[in-house]
Amino acid sequence: MDLELLRAIVLGAIQGFTEFLPISSSGFLVLGNHFLFDLERLPLWVDLATNSGTFLAAAWVLRREITTVARGFARGLTASQARHEEGWRLMLWLFLATLPAALLGLVLAPVFEALNTPRVAAVGFFITGTLLLLVPPQGGPKRTADAMTFWDALLAGLAQALALVPGISRSGSTIAVLLGRGLSPSFAARFSFLMYTLVSLGAMLLGIQEGVGKVPWGPLFGAFLSAFVFGLLGMRLLFGVLEAGHFRYFTPLLWALALLTLLSAA
């Protein structure tokens, strides 16, 4: 197998499997790139391919929610009555939750790019593990979409902005915040993944606008397909973990990974 194709498949698998688990895909990509391939920076086509694969995985799993949100928002634009429906409200909360990361990502892009080092990823792993440990036990009735509030969405958005730092898991931080706010595990995960679809779509459009240079089509498709397949697996695993109440079980793994990363990068 061609080395570049193999590299693309591995990076796609890392991105896909870790994007939806609370273990930071950005941190794992930094480590995979540093220790396996030793590239100064991943090519833009790799980012585009892996983001497209995980976006498609999320869109497929959340196709019903996306349809509900799109229809509700479209009806709300023309009929005031529809603005009391779940789809309209969810779209407003998604816009609010997406703003912090979008603004920080645009304004401070060079700063976050400079943070793509193993040491920073190690600190991020430790922070993520600590956030998961602070999630309260999931007992009693929980809120769902119809009871979501402005503060739920804003705090989830701030958590997603924090995850621009490598090693801090986007799904882990946003789901932890929503669980801490009293939302149900299933809805917390689905809202977190809906947030991801908006951010990922924006990243893909920016990547296309900036251009990706010379594209090796075989490796690009390999990275895309790998990210899609492993993204589906990662989402399925996370729903099972949340249903079983084992979200905090990732904490020892993340702390151990933080320590090993610091030792190996020393």
C-alpha atoms as a PDB file:
ATOM      1  CA  MET A   1       0.000   0.000   0.000  1.00  0.00           C
ATOM      2  CA  ASP A   2       1.199   3.497  -0.844  1.00  0.00           C
ATOM      3  CA  LEU A   3       2.685   5.223   2.234  1.00  0.00           C
ATOM      4  CA  GLU A   4       0.717   8.428   1.690  1.00  0.00           C
ATOM      5  CA  LEU A   5      -2.525   6.460   1.377  1.00  0.00           C
ATOM      6  CA  LEU A   6      -1.753   4.528   4.565  1.00  0.00           C
ATOM      7  CA  ARG A   7      -0.979   7.775   6.386  1.00  0.00           C
ATOM      8  CA  ALA A   8      -4.265   9.282   5.208  1.00  0.00           C
ATOM      9  CA  ILE A   9      -6.274   6.248   6.342  1.00  0.00           C
ATOM     10  CA  VAL A  10      -4.636   6.282   9.781  1.00  0.00           C
ATOM     11  CA  LEU A  11      -5.243  10.009  10.252  1.00  0.00           C
ATOM     12  CA  GLY A  12      -8.836   9.603   9.085  1.00  0.00           C
ATOM     13  CA  ALA A  13      -9.379   6.800  11.591  1.00  0.00           C
ATOM     14  CA  ILE A  14      -7.893   8.906  14.398  1.00  0.00           C
ATOM     15  CA  GLN A  15     -10.071  11.894  13.525  1.00  0.00           C
ATOM     16  CA  GLY A  16     -13.232   9.870  13.025  1.00  0.00           C
ATOM     17  CA  PHE A  17     -13.009   7.696  16.130  1.00  0.00           C
ATOM     18  CA  THR A  18     -11.865  10.408  18.531  1.00  0.00           C
ATOM     19  CA  GLU A  19     -14.008  13.330  17.287  1.00  0.00           C
ATOM     20  CA  PHE A  20     -17.132  12.154  19.065  1.00  0.00           C
ATOM     21  CA  LEU A  21     -15.518  10.479  22.068  1.00  0.00           C
ATOM     22  CA  PRO A  22     -14.473  12.699  25.018  1.00  0.00           C
ATOM     23  CA  ILE A  23     -10.768  12.246  24.287  1.00  0.00           C
ATOM     24  CA  SER A  24      -9.969  15.124  21.879  1.00  0.00           C
ATOM     25  CA  SER A  25      -9.496  14.420  18.188  1.00  0.00           C
ATOM     26  CA  SER A  26      -7.248  17.495  17.861  1.00  0.00           C
ATOM     27  CA  GLY A  27      -4.953  16.189  20.590  1.00  0.00           C
ATOM     28  CA  PHE A  28      -4.740  12.740  19.031  1.00  0.00           C
ATOM     29  CA  LEU A  29      -4.080  14.213  15.585  1.00  0.00           C
ATOM     30  CA  VAL A  30      -1.232  16.289  17.032  1.00  0.00           C
ATOM     31  CA  LEU A  31       0.245  13.157  18.606  1.00  0.00           C
ATOM     32  CA  GLY A  32      -0.339  11.010  15.536  1.00  0.00           C
ATOM     33  CA  ASN A  33       1.279  13.580  13.277  1.00  0.00           C
ATOM     34  CA  HIS A  34       4.200  14.180  15.659  1.00  0.00           C
ATOM     35  CA  PHE A  35       5.074  10.616  16.608  1.00  0.00           C
ATOM     36  CA  LEU A  36       3.989   8.648  13.526  1.00  0.00           C
ATOM     37  CA  PHE A  37       4.659  11.000  10.626  1.00  0.00           C
ATOM     38  CA  ASP A  38       6.774  13.880  11.979  1.00  0.00           C
ATOM     39  CA  LEU A  39       5.240  16.473   9.662  1.00  0.00           C
ATOM     40  CA  GLU A  40       5.533  20.143  10.564  1.00  0.00           C
ATOM     41  CA  ARG A  41       1.883  20.656   9.686  1.00  0.00           C
ATOM     42  CA  LEU A  42      -0.847  18.467   8.273  1.00  0.00           C
ATOM     43  CA  PRO A  43      -1.701  19.327   4.645  1.00  0.00           C
ATOM     44  CA  LEU A  44      -4.950  21.250   4.217  1.00  0.00           C
ATOM     45  CA  TRP A  45      -6.436  18.454   2.134  1.00  0.00           C
ATOM     46  CA  VAL A  46      -6.102  16.108   5.130  1.00  0.00           C
ATOM     47  CA  ASP A  47      -8.108  18.507   7.307  1.00  0.00           C
ATOM     48  CA  LEU A  48     -10.718  18.872   4.580  1.00  0.00           C
ATOM     49  CA  ALA A  49     -11.040  15.125   3.961  1.00  0.00           C
ATOM     50  CA  THR A  50     -11.216  14.072   7.607  1.00  0.00           C
ATOM     51  CA  ASN A  51     -13.621  16.882   8.548  1.00  0.00           C
ATOM     52  CA  SER A  52     -15.844  15.978   5.602  1.00  0.00           C
ATOM     53  CA  GLY A  53     -15.908  12.329   6.662  1.00  0.00           C
ATOM     54  CA  THR A  54     -16.839  13.026  10.266  1.00  0.00           C
ATOM     55  CA  PHE A  55     -19.366  15.668   9.176  1.00  0.00           C
ATOM     56  CA  LEU A  56     -21.112  13.129   6.958  1.00  0.00           C
ATOM     57  CA  ALA A  57     -21.107  10.569   9.784  1.00  0.00           C
ATOM     58  CA  ALA A  58     -22.734  13.060  12.163  1.00  0.00           C
ATOM     59  CA  ALA A  59     -25.223  14.212   9.522  1.00  0.00           C
ATOM     60  CA  TRP A  60     -26.270  10.608   8.861  1.00  0.00           C
ATOM     61  CA  VAL A  61     -26.765   9.723  12.532  1.00  0.00           C
ATOM     62  CA  LEU A  62     -28.571  13.016  13.222  1.00  0.00           C
ATOM     63  CA  ARG A  63     -30.575  13.134   9.990  1.00  0.00           C
ATOM     64  CA  ARG A  64     -33.917  13.269  11.838  1.00  0.00           C
ATOM     65  CA  GLU A  65     -32.773  16.051  14.167  1.00  0.00           C
ATOM     66  CA  ILE A  66     -31.285  18.024  11.271  1.00  0.00           C
ATOM     67  CA  THR A  67     -34.540  17.686   9.312  1.00  0.00           C
ATOM     68  CA  THR A  68     -36.555  18.855  12.335  1.00  0.00           C
ATOM     69  CA  VAL A  69     -34.277  21.855  12.881  1.00  0.00           C
ATOM     70  CA  ALA A  70     -34.210  22.837   9.198  1.00  0.00           C
ATOM     71  CA  ARG A  71     -37.984  22.584   8.773  1.00  0.00           C
ATOM     72  CA  GLY A  72     -38.708  24.372  12.041  1.00  0.00           C
ATOM     73  CA  PHE A  73     -36.339  27.200  11.202  1.00  0.00           C
ATOM     74  CA  ALA A  74     -37.740  27.583   7.677  1.00  0.00           C
ATOM     75  CA  ARG A  75     -41.313  27.727   9.007  1.00  0.00           C
ATOM     76  CA  GLY A  76     -40.304  30.177  11.715  1.00  0.00           C
ATOM     77  CA  LEU A  77     -39.009  32.636   9.127  1.00  0.00           C
ATOM     78  CA  THR A  78     -42.486  33.052   7.664  1.00  0.00           C
ATOM     79  CA  ALA A  79     -44.886  32.115  10.471  1.00  0.00           C
ATOM     80  CA  SER A  80     -44.631  33.530  13.986  1.00  0.00           C
ATOM     81  CA  GLN A  81     -46.535  30.550  15.399  1.00  0.00           C
ATOM     82  CA  ALA A  82     -43.730  28.222  14.312  1.00  0.00           C
ATOM     83  CA  ARG A  83     -41.287  30.130  16.506  1.00  0.00           C
ATOM     84  CA  HIS A  84     -42.634  28.249  19.490  1.00  0.00           C
ATOM     85  CA  GLU A  85     -41.738  24.897  17.919  1.00  0.00           C
ATOM     86  CA  GLU A  86     -38.751  22.772  18.877  1.00  0.00           C
ATOM     87  CA  GLY A  87     -36.990  23.111  15.511  1.00  0.00           C
ATOM     88  CA  TRP A  88     -36.943  26.925  15.608  1.00  0.00           C
ATOM     89  CA  ARG A  89     -35.720  27.070  19.205  1.00  0.00           C
ATOM     90  CA  LEU A  90     -33.036  24.476  18.591  1.00  0.00           C
ATOM     91  CA  MET A  91     -31.681  26.421  15.624  1.00  0.00           C
ATOM     92  CA  LEU A  92     -31.470  29.590  17.725  1.00  0.00           C
ATOM     93  CA  TRP A  93     -29.644  27.718  20.490  1.00  0.00           C
ATOM     94  CA  LEU A  94     -27.297  26.173  17.933  1.00  0.00           C
ATOM     95  CA  PHE A  95     -26.430  29.583  16.474  1.00  0.00           C
ATOM     96  CA  LEU A  96     -25.753  30.912  19.964  1.00  0.00           C
ATOM     97  CA  ALA A  97     -23.666  27.877  20.907  1.00  0.00           C
ATOM     98  CA  THR A  98     -21.608  28.134  17.720  1.00  0.00           C
ATOM     99  CA  LEU A  99     -20.739  31.842  17.984  1.00  0.00           C
ATOM    100  CA  PRO A 100     -17.948  31.721  20.635  1.00  0.00           C
ATOM    101  CA  ALA A 101     -15.860  29.104  18.825  1.00  0.00           C
ATOM    102  CA  ALA A 102     -16.486  30.683  15.417  1.00  0.00           C
ATOM    103  CA  LEU A 103     -15.415  34.155  16.562  1.00  0.00           C
ATOM    104  CA  LEU A 104     -12.361  32.963  18.483  1.00  0.00           C
ATOM    105  CA  GLY A 105     -11.355  30.631  15.676  1.00  0.00           C
ATOM    106  CA  LEU A 106     -11.415  33.450  13.134  1.00  0.00           C
ATOM    107  CA  VAL A 107      -9.750  36.105  15.292  1.00  0.00           C
ATOM    108  CA  LEU A 108      -7.123  33.954  17.019  1.00  0.00           C
ATOM    109  CA  ALA A 109      -6.440  31.327  14.350  1.00  0.00           C
ATOM    110  CA  PRO A 110      -2.621  31.868  14.373  1.00  0.00           C
ATOM    111  CA  VAL A 111      -2.558  31.564  18.167  1.00  0.00           C
ATOM    112  CA  PHE A 112      -4.382  28.237  18.170  1.00  0.00           C
ATOM    113  CA  GLU A 113      -2.214  27.020  15.294  1.00  0.00           C
ATOM    114  CA  ALA A 114       0.888  27.666  17.404  1.00  0.00           C
ATOM    115  CA  LEU A 115      -0.588  25.541  20.199  1.00  0.00           C
ATOM    116  CA  ASN A 116      -0.470  22.358  18.114  1.00  0.00           C
ATOM    117  CA  THR A 117       2.331  20.770  20.143  1.00  0.00           C
ATOM    118  CA  PRO A 118       2.451  17.560  22.216  1.00  0.00           C
ATOM    119  CA  ARG A 119       3.006  19.483  25.466  1.00  0.00           C
ATOM    120  CA  VAL A 120      -0.092  21.618  24.949  1.00  0.00           C
ATOM    121  CA  ALA A 121      -2.069  18.512  23.991  1.00  0.00           C
ATOM    122  CA  ALA A 122      -0.938  16.846  27.229  1.00  0.00           C
ATOM    123  CA  VAL A 123      -2.262  19.755  29.297  1.00  0.00           C
ATOM    124  CA  GLY A 124      -5.495  19.618  27.308  1.00  0.00           C
ATOM    125  CA  PHE A 125      -5.875  15.888  28.005  1.00  0.00           C
ATOM    126  CA  PHE A 126      -5.519  16.557  31.735  1.00  0.00           C
ATOM    127  CA  ILE A 127      -8.099  19.368  31.642  1.00  0.00           C
ATOM    128  CA  THR A 128     -10.561  17.188  29.723  1.00  0.00           C
ATOM    129  CA  GLY A 129     -10.141  14.324  32.179  1.00  0.00           C
ATOM    130  CA  THR A 130     -10.800  16.689  35.066  1.00  0.00           C
ATOM    131  CA  LEU A 131     -13.947  18.075  33.395  1.00  0.00           C
ATOM    132  CA  LEU A 132     -15.321  14.562  32.944  1.00  0.00           C
ATOM    133  CA  LEU A 133     -14.611  13.746  36.575  1.00  0.00           C
ATOM    134  CA  LEU A 134     -16.678  16.753  37.670  1.00  0.00           C
ATOM    135  CA  VAL A 135     -19.802  15.540  35.843  1.00  0.00           C
ATOM    136  CA  PRO A 136     -22.419  14.740  38.524  1.00  0.00           C
ATOM    137  CA  PRO A 137     -24.004  11.256  38.673  1.00  0.00           C
ATOM    138  CA  GLN A 138     -26.927  11.026  36.267  1.00  0.00           C
ATOM    139  CA  GLY A 139     -29.976  10.289  38.389  1.00  0.00           C
ATOM    140  CA  GLY A 140     -33.544  11.550  38.408  1.00  0.00           C
ATOM    141  CA  PRO A 141     -35.520  13.322  35.659  1.00  0.00           C
ATOM    142  CA  LYS A 142     -33.541  15.326  33.123  1.00  0.00           C
ATOM    143  CA  ARG A 143     -34.384  18.193  30.783  1.00  0.00           C
ATOM    144  CA  THR A 144     -34.571  17.753  27.014  1.00  0.00           C
ATOM    145  CA  ALA A 145     -34.874  20.053  23.995  1.00  0.00           C
ATOM    146  CA  ASP A 146     -38.145  21.711  25.007  1.00  0.00           C
ATOM    147  CA  ALA A 147     -36.645  22.881  28.322  1.00  0.00           C
ATOM    148  CA  MET A 148     -33.269  24.095  27.037  1.00  0.00           C
ATOM    149  CA  THR A 149     -32.352  27.666  28.019  1.00  0.00           C
ATOM    150  CA  PHE A 150     -30.187  30.558  26.834  1.00  0.00           C
ATOM    151  CA  TRP A 151     -27.569  29.765  29.473  1.00  0.00           C
ATOM    152  CA  ASP A 152     -27.417  26.090  28.505  1.00  0.00           C
ATOM    153  CA  ALA A 153     -26.580  27.033  24.923  1.00  0.00           C
ATOM    154  CA  LEU A 154     -24.136  29.809  25.849  1.00  0.00           C
ATOM    155  CA  LEU A 155     -22.181  27.664  28.313  1.00  0.00           C
ATOM    156  CA  ALA A 156     -22.021  24.822  25.794  1.00  0.00           C
ATOM    157  CA  GLY A 157     -20.706  27.325  23.248  1.00  0.00           C
ATOM    158  CA  LEU A 158     -18.006  28.561  25.622  1.00  0.00           C
ATOM    159  CA  ALA A 159     -17.003  24.950  26.287  1.00  0.00           C
ATOM    160  CA  GLN A 160     -16.709  24.375  22.542  1.00  0.00           C
ATOM    161  CA  ALA A 161     -14.527  27.479  22.230  1.00  0.00           C
ATOM    162  CA  LEU A 162     -12.265  26.118  24.974  1.00  0.00           C
ATOM    163  CA  ALA A 163     -11.839  22.992  22.874  1.00  0.00           C
ATOM    164  CA  LEU A 164      -9.956  24.988  20.223  1.00  0.00           C
ATOM    165  CA  VAL A 165      -6.946  24.181  22.409  1.00  0.00           C
ATOM    166  CA  PRO A 166      -5.487  20.790  21.377  1.00  0.00           C
ATOM    167  CA  GLY A 167      -6.160  18.051  23.894  1.00  0.00           C
ATOM    168  CA  ILE A 168      -9.387  19.596  25.190  1.00  0.00           C
ATOM    169  CA  SER A 169     -12.191  17.467  23.829  1.00  0.00           C
ATOM    170  CA  ARG A 170     -14.984  19.326  22.066  1.00  0.00           C
ATOM    171  CA  SER A 171     -17.545  16.599  22.675  1.00  0.00           C
ATOM    172  CA  GLY A 172     -16.258  15.926  26.188  1.00  0.00           C
ATOM    173  CA  SER A 173     -16.393  19.552  27.319  1.00  0.00           C
ATOM    174  CA  THR A 174     -19.757  20.381  25.726  1.00  0.00           C
ATOM    175  CA  ILE A 175     -21.479  17.198  26.908  1.00  0.00           C
ATOM    176  CA  ALA A 176     -20.001  17.614  30.400  1.00  0.00           C
ATOM    177  CA  VAL A 177     -21.394  21.158  30.611  1.00  0.00           C
ATOM    178  CA  LEU A 178     -24.833  20.107  29.378  1.00  0.00           C
ATOM    179  CA  LEU A 179     -24.960  17.156  31.778  1.00  0.00           C
ATOM    180  CA  GLY A 180     -23.918  19.462  34.598  1.00  0.00           C
ATOM    181  CA  ARG A 181     -26.779  21.777  33.618  1.00  0.00           C
ATOM    182  CA  GLY A 182     -29.244  18.918  34.086  1.00  0.00           C
ATOM    183  CA  LEU A 183     -29.907  17.919  30.482  1.00  0.00           C
ATOM    184  CA  SER A 184     -30.436  14.267  29.611  1.00  0.00           C
ATOM    185  CA  PRO A 185     -27.379  12.291  28.397  1.00  0.00           C
ATOM    186  CA  SER A 186     -28.986  11.445  25.056  1.00  0.00           C
ATOM    187  CA  PHE A 187     -29.996  15.038  24.311  1.00  0.00           C
ATOM    188  CA  ALA A 188     -26.662  16.414  25.559  1.00  0.00           C
ATOM    189  CA  ALA A 189     -24.809  14.183  23.096  1.00  0.00           C
ATOM    190  CA  ARG A 190     -27.118  14.965  20.189  1.00  0.00           C
ATOM    191  CA  PHE A 191     -26.982  18.719  20.777  1.00  0.00           C
ATOM    192  CA  SER A 192     -23.182  18.519  21.025  1.00  0.00           C
ATOM    193  CA  PHE A 193     -23.048  16.675  17.700  1.00  0.00           C
ATOM    194  CA  LEU A 194     -25.419  19.193  16.097  1.00  0.00           C
ATOM    195  CA  MET A 195     -23.044  21.934  17.256  1.00  0.00           C
ATOM    196  CA  TYR A 196     -20.220  20.010  15.605  1.00  0.00           C
ATOM    197  CA  THR A 197     -22.035  19.819  12.261  1.00  0.00           C
ATOM    198  CA  LEU A 198     -22.274  23.621  12.063  1.00  0.00           C
ATOM    199  CA  VAL A 199     -18.624  24.133  13.036  1.00  0.00           C
ATOM    200  CA  SER A 200     -17.452  21.392  10.688  1.00  0.00           C
ATOM    201  CA  LEU A 201     -19.486  22.781   7.792  1.00  0.00           C
ATOM    202  CA  GLY A 202     -17.937  26.206   8.346  1.00  0.00           C
ATOM    203  CA  ALA A 203     -14.435  24.718   8.491  1.00  0.00           C
ATOM    204  CA  MET A 204     -15.012  22.831   5.245  1.00  0.00           C
ATOM    205  CA  LEU A 205     -16.250  25.936   3.440  1.00  0.00           C
ATOM    206  CA  LEU A 206     -13.242  27.940   4.654  1.00  0.00           C
ATOM    207  CA  GLY A 207     -10.900  25.161   3.571  1.00  0.00           C
ATOM    208  CA  ILE A 208     -12.413  25.081   0.099  1.00  0.00           C
ATOM    209  CA  GLN A 209     -12.233  28.887  -0.149  1.00  0.00           C
ATOM    210  CA  GLU A 210      -8.565  28.971   0.892  1.00  0.00           C
ATOM    211  CA  GLY A 211      -7.667  26.166  -1.476  1.00  0.00           C
ATOM    212  CA  VAL A 212      -5.961  22.908  -0.626  1.00  0.00           C
ATOM    213  CA  GLY A 213      -3.178  22.944  -3.178  1.00  0.00           C
ATOM    214  CA  LYS A 214      -2.272  19.834  -5.139  1.00  0.00           C
ATOM    215  CA  VAL A 215      -4.602  17.060  -4.012  1.00  0.00           C
ATOM    216  CA  PRO A 216      -3.660  13.354  -4.121  1.00  0.00           C
ATOM    217  CA  TRP A 217      -7.137  11.973  -4.817  1.00  0.00           C
ATOM    218  CA  GLY A 218      -6.483   8.423  -3.617  1.00  0.00           C
ATOM    219  CA  PRO A 219      -5.257   9.414  -0.142  1.00  0.00           C
ATOM    220  CA  LEU A 220      -7.942  12.117   0.084  1.00  0.00           C
ATOM    221  CA  PHE A 221     -10.692   9.556  -0.506  1.00  0.00           C
ATOM    222  CA  GLY A 222      -8.985   7.133   1.891  1.00  0.00           C
ATOM    223  CA  ALA A 223      -8.925   9.750   4.662  1.00  0.00           C
ATOM    224  CA  PHE A 224     -12.543  10.704   3.980  1.00  0.00           C
ATOM    225  CA  LEU A 225     -13.862   7.134   4.010  1.00  0.00           C
ATOM    226  CA  SER A 226     -11.814   6.184   7.060  1.00  0.00           C
ATOM    227  CA  ALA A 227     -13.061   9.227   9.004  1.00  0.00           C
ATOM    228  CA  PHE A 228     -16.660   8.455   8.014  1.00  0.00           C
ATOM    229  CA  VAL A 229     -16.568   4.785   9.074  1.00  0.00           C
ATOM    230  CA  PHE A 230     -14.703   5.382  12.319  1.00  0.00           C
ATOM    231  CA  GLY A 231     -16.886   8.407  13.050  1.00  0.00           C
ATOM    232  CA  LEU A 232     -19.961   6.165  12.972  1.00  0.00           C
ATOM    233  CA  LEU A 233     -18.228   3.718  15.314  1.00  0.00           C
ATOM    234  CA  GLY A 234     -17.191   6.506  17.686  1.00  0.00           C
ATOM    235  CA  MET A 235     -20.714   7.924  17.900  1.00  0.00           C
ATOM    236  CA  ARG A 236     -22.210   4.500  18.550  1.00  0.00           C
ATOM    237  CA  LEU A 237     -19.701   3.859  21.320  1.00  0.00           C
ATOM    238  CA  LEU A 238     -20.353   7.222  22.974  1.00  0.00           C
ATOM    239  CA  PHE A 239     -24.123   6.738  23.064  1.00  0.00           C
ATOM    240  CA  GLY A 240     -23.533   3.378  24.744  1.00  0.00           C
ATOM    241  CA  VAL A 241     -21.142   4.903  27.280  1.00  0.00           C
ATOM    242  CA  LEU A 242     -23.593   7.677  28.165  1.00  0.00           C
ATOM    243  CA  GLU A 243     -26.514   5.266  28.449  1.00  0.00           C
ATOM    244  CA  ALA A 244     -24.489   3.122  30.858  1.00  0.00           C
ATOM    245  CA  GLY A 245     -23.443   6.178  32.897  1.00  0.00           C
ATOM    246  CA  HIS A 246     -19.739   5.551  32.297  1.00  0.00           C
ATOM    247  CA  PHE A 247     -18.783   8.992  30.950  1.00  0.00           C
ATOM    248  CA  ARG A 248     -16.253   9.571  33.729  1.00  0.00           C
ATOM    249  CA  TYR A 249     -14.473   6.306  32.957  1.00  0.00           C
ATOM    250  CA  PHE A 250     -12.435   8.188  30.353  1.00  0.00           C
ATOM    251  CA  THR A 251     -10.739  10.280  33.055  1.00  0.00           C
ATOM    252  CA  PRO A 252      -7.990   7.749  34.000  1.00  0.00           C
ATOM    253  CA  LEU A 253      -7.243   7.187  30.307  1.00  0.00           C
ATOM    254  CA  LEU A 254      -6.878  10.915  29.655  1.00  0.00           C
ATOM    255  CA  TRP A 255      -4.704  11.518  32.706  1.00  0.00           C
ATOM    256  CA  ALA A 256      -2.456   8.584  31.796  1.00  0.00           C
ATOM    257  CA  LEU A 257      -2.246   9.858  28.227  1.00  0.00           C
ATOM    258  CA  ALA A 258      -1.323  13.333  29.477  1.00  0.00           C
ATOM    259  CA  LEU A 259       1.504  11.906  31.575  1.00  0.00           C
ATOM    260  CA  LEU A 260       2.833   9.660  28.804  1.00  0.00           C
ATOM    261  CA  THR A 261       2.712  12.523  26.317  1.00  0.00           C
ATOM    262  CA  LEU A 262       4.664  14.829  28.617  1.00  0.00           C
ATOM    263  CA  LEU A 263       7.283  12.145  29.280  1.00  0.00           C
ATOM    264  CA  SER A 264       7.706  11.259  25.618  1.00  0.00           C
ATOM    265  CA  ALA A 265       7.879  14.915  24.548  1.00  0.00           C
ATOM    266  CA  ALA A 266      10.456  15.839  27.195  1.00  0.00           C
END
